[in-house]
Protein backbone atom coordinates (compact mmCIF):
# COMPACT_ATOMS: atom_id res chain seq x y z
CA UNK A 1 0.00 0.00 0.00
CA UNK A 2 1.40 3.38 -0.92
CA UNK A 3 0.86 6.49 1.13
CA UNK A 4 -0.84 9.41 -0.55
CA UNK A 5 1.50 12.20 -1.50
CA UNK A 6 0.85 15.73 -0.33
CA UNK A 7 0.24 18.42 -2.86
CA UNK A 8 3.13 20.86 -3.20
CA UNK A 9 1.11 23.64 -1.55
CA UNK A 10 0.46 21.55 1.60
CA UNK A 11 4.13 21.22 2.60
CA UNK A 12 5.23 23.52 5.40
CA UNK A 13 7.86 26.07 4.54
CA UNK A 14 11.11 26.30 6.44
CA UNK A 15 11.16 28.82 9.26
CA UNK A 16 13.26 31.79 8.20
CA UNK A 17 14.57 34.14 10.85
CA UNK A 18 16.34 37.45 10.27
CA UNK A 19 20.14 37.35 10.53
CA UNK A 20 20.15 39.56 13.60
CA UNK A 21 18.03 37.07 15.58
CA UNK A 22 21.14 34.95 16.18
CA UNK A 23 23.05 38.00 17.45
CA UNK A 24 20.25 38.98 19.83
CA UNK A 25 20.06 35.42 21.15
CA UNK A 26 23.83 35.28 21.68
CA UNK A 27 23.84 38.64 23.49
CA UNK A 28 20.97 37.52 25.73
CA UNK A 29 22.75 34.27 26.63
CA UNK A 30 25.99 36.08 27.42
CA UNK A 31 24.10 38.56 29.61
CA UNK A 32 22.35 35.78 31.53
CA UNK A 33 25.70 34.03 32.02
CA UNK A 34 27.42 37.19 33.23
CA UNK A 35 24.66 38.08 35.70
CA UNK A 36 24.11 34.60 37.07
CA UNK A 37 27.42 32.74 36.91
CA UNK A 38 30.47 34.87 36.18
CA UNK A 39 32.70 34.99 39.25
CA UNK A 40 36.01 35.40 37.50
CA UNK A 41 36.42 32.10 35.65
CA UNK A 42 36.05 33.75 32.25
CA UNK A 43 36.90 37.36 33.06
CA UNK A 44 39.67 36.66 35.58
CA UNK A 45 41.46 39.98 35.10
CA UNK A 46 38.35 41.88 36.22
CA UNK A 47 36.83 39.31 38.60
CA UNK A 48 36.31 41.70 41.50
CA UNK A 49 34.77 44.41 39.36
CA UNK A 50 32.48 41.95 37.57
CA UNK A 51 31.33 40.43 40.86
CA UNK A 52 30.52 43.79 42.41
CA UNK A 53 28.83 45.06 39.25
CA UNK A 54 26.41 42.12 39.13
CA UNK A 55 26.14 41.52 42.89
CA UNK A 56 22.85 43.32 43.51
CA UNK A 57 21.33 42.04 40.29
CA UNK A 58 22.08 38.47 41.31
CA UNK A 59 20.36 38.88 44.63
CA UNK A 60 17.37 40.61 43.01
CA UNK A 61 16.99 37.62 40.67
CA UNK A 62 17.41 35.13 43.52
CA UNK A 63 20.79 33.79 42.35
CA UNK A 64 23.19 33.20 45.23
CA UNK A 65 26.68 34.48 44.58
CA UNK A 66 28.44 33.81 47.87
C-alpha atoms as a PDB file:
ATOM      1  CA  UNK A   1       0.000   0.000   0.000  1.00  0.00           C
ATOM      2  CA  UNK A   2       1.402   3.376  -0.918  1.00  0.00           C
ATOM      3  CA  UNK A   3       0.864   6.487   1.135  1.00  0.00           C
ATOM      4  CA  UNK A   4      -0.837   9.405  -0.555  1.00  0.00           C
ATOM      5  CA  UNK A   5       1.503  12.201  -1.501  1.00  0.00           C
ATOM      6  CA  UNK A   6       0.847  15.727  -0.329  1.00  0.00           C
ATOM      7  CA  UNK A   7       0.240  18.424  -2.863  1.00  0.00           C
ATOM      8  CA  UNK A   8       3.126  20.855  -3.205  1.00  0.00           C
ATOM      9  CA  UNK A   9       1.115  23.640  -1.550  1.00  0.00           C
ATOM     10  CA  UNK A  10       0.462  21.552   1.598  1.00  0.00           C
ATOM     11  CA  UNK A  11       4.129  21.220   2.598  1.00  0.00           C
ATOM     12  CA  UNK A  12       5.225  23.519   5.405  1.00  0.00           C
ATOM     13  CA  UNK A  13       7.863  26.074   4.545  1.00  0.00           C
ATOM     14  CA  UNK A  14      11.112  26.304   6.443  1.00  0.00           C
ATOM     15  CA  UNK A  15      11.164  28.817   9.265  1.00  0.00           C
ATOM     16  CA  UNK A  16      13.260  31.786   8.202  1.00  0.00           C
ATOM     17  CA  UNK A  17      14.571  34.141  10.851  1.00  0.00           C
ATOM     18  CA  UNK A  18      16.341  37.450  10.273  1.00  0.00           C
ATOM     19  CA  UNK A  19      20.138  37.347  10.531  1.00  0.00           C
ATOM     20  CA  UNK A  20      20.151  39.555  13.598  1.00  0.00           C
ATOM     21  CA  UNK A  21      18.028  37.073  15.583  1.00  0.00           C
ATOM     22  CA  UNK A  22      21.135  34.947  16.181  1.00  0.00           C
ATOM     23  CA  UNK A  23      23.050  37.997  17.446  1.00  0.00           C
ATOM     24  CA  UNK A  24      20.246  38.981  19.834  1.00  0.00           C
ATOM     25  CA  UNK A  25      20.065  35.416  21.154  1.00  0.00           C
ATOM     26  CA  UNK A  26      23.831  35.281  21.682  1.00  0.00           C
ATOM     27  CA  UNK A  27      23.842  38.644  23.486  1.00  0.00           C
ATOM     28  CA  UNK A  28      20.974  37.521  25.726  1.00  0.00           C
ATOM     29  CA  UNK A  29      22.746  34.268  26.631  1.00  0.00           C
ATOM     30  CA  UNK A  30      25.994  36.082  27.420  1.00  0.00           C
ATOM     31  CA  UNK A  31      24.100  38.556  29.611  1.00  0.00           C
ATOM     32  CA  UNK A  32      22.351  35.778  31.528  1.00  0.00           C
ATOM     33  CA  UNK A  33      25.704  34.030  32.025  1.00  0.00           C
ATOM     34  CA  UNK A  34      27.419  37.194  33.233  1.00  0.00           C
ATOM     35  CA  UNK A  35      24.661  38.077  35.695  1.00  0.00           C
ATOM     36  CA  UNK A  36      24.113  34.600  37.070  1.00  0.00           C
ATOM     37  CA  UNK A  37      27.419  32.745  36.911  1.00  0.00           C
ATOM     38  CA  UNK A  38      30.474  34.866  36.185  1.00  0.00           C
ATOM     39  CA  UNK A  39      32.700  34.990  39.254  1.00  0.00           C
ATOM     40  CA  UNK A  40      36.006  35.400  37.505  1.00  0.00           C
ATOM     41  CA  UNK A  41      36.418  32.099  35.653  1.00  0.00           C
ATOM     42  CA  UNK A  42      36.051  33.751  32.250  1.00  0.00           C
ATOM     43  CA  UNK A  43      36.900  37.357  33.063  1.00  0.00           C
ATOM     44  CA  UNK A  44      39.666  36.664  35.575  1.00  0.00           C
ATOM     45  CA  UNK A  45      41.455  39.976  35.105  1.00  0.00           C
ATOM     46  CA  UNK A  46      38.345  41.881  36.222  1.00  0.00           C
ATOM     47  CA  UNK A  47      36.831  39.310  38.601  1.00  0.00           C
ATOM     48  CA  UNK A  48      36.306  41.703  41.502  1.00  0.00           C
ATOM     49  CA  UNK A  49      34.774  44.407  39.362  1.00  0.00           C
ATOM     50  CA  UNK A  50      32.477  41.953  37.572  1.00  0.00           C
ATOM     51  CA  UNK A  51      31.328  40.429  40.855  1.00  0.00           C
ATOM     52  CA  UNK A  52      30.519  43.792  42.408  1.00  0.00           C
ATOM     53  CA  UNK A  53      28.827  45.063  39.252  1.00  0.00           C
ATOM     54  CA  UNK A  54      26.410  42.124  39.129  1.00  0.00           C
ATOM     55  CA  UNK A  55      26.144  41.520  42.891  1.00  0.00           C
ATOM     56  CA  UNK A  56      22.853  43.317  43.507  1.00  0.00           C
ATOM     57  CA  UNK A  57      21.334  42.037  40.286  1.00  0.00           C
ATOM     58  CA  UNK A  58      22.082  38.470  41.311  1.00  0.00           C
ATOM     59  CA  UNK A  59      20.360  38.883  44.632  1.00  0.00           C
ATOM     60  CA  UNK A  60      17.366  40.606  43.009  1.00  0.00           C
ATOM     61  CA  UNK A  61      16.991  37.622  40.668  1.00  0.00           C
ATOM     62  CA  UNK A  62      17.408  35.129  43.516  1.00  0.00           C
ATOM     63  CA  UNK A  63      20.789  33.792  42.346  1.00  0.00           C
ATOM     64  CA  UNK A  64      23.188  33.200  45.230  1.00  0.00           C
ATOM     65  CA  UNK A  65      26.677  34.483  44.581  1.00  0.00           C
ATOM     66  CA  UNK A  66      28.437  33.807  47.871  1.00  0.00           C
END
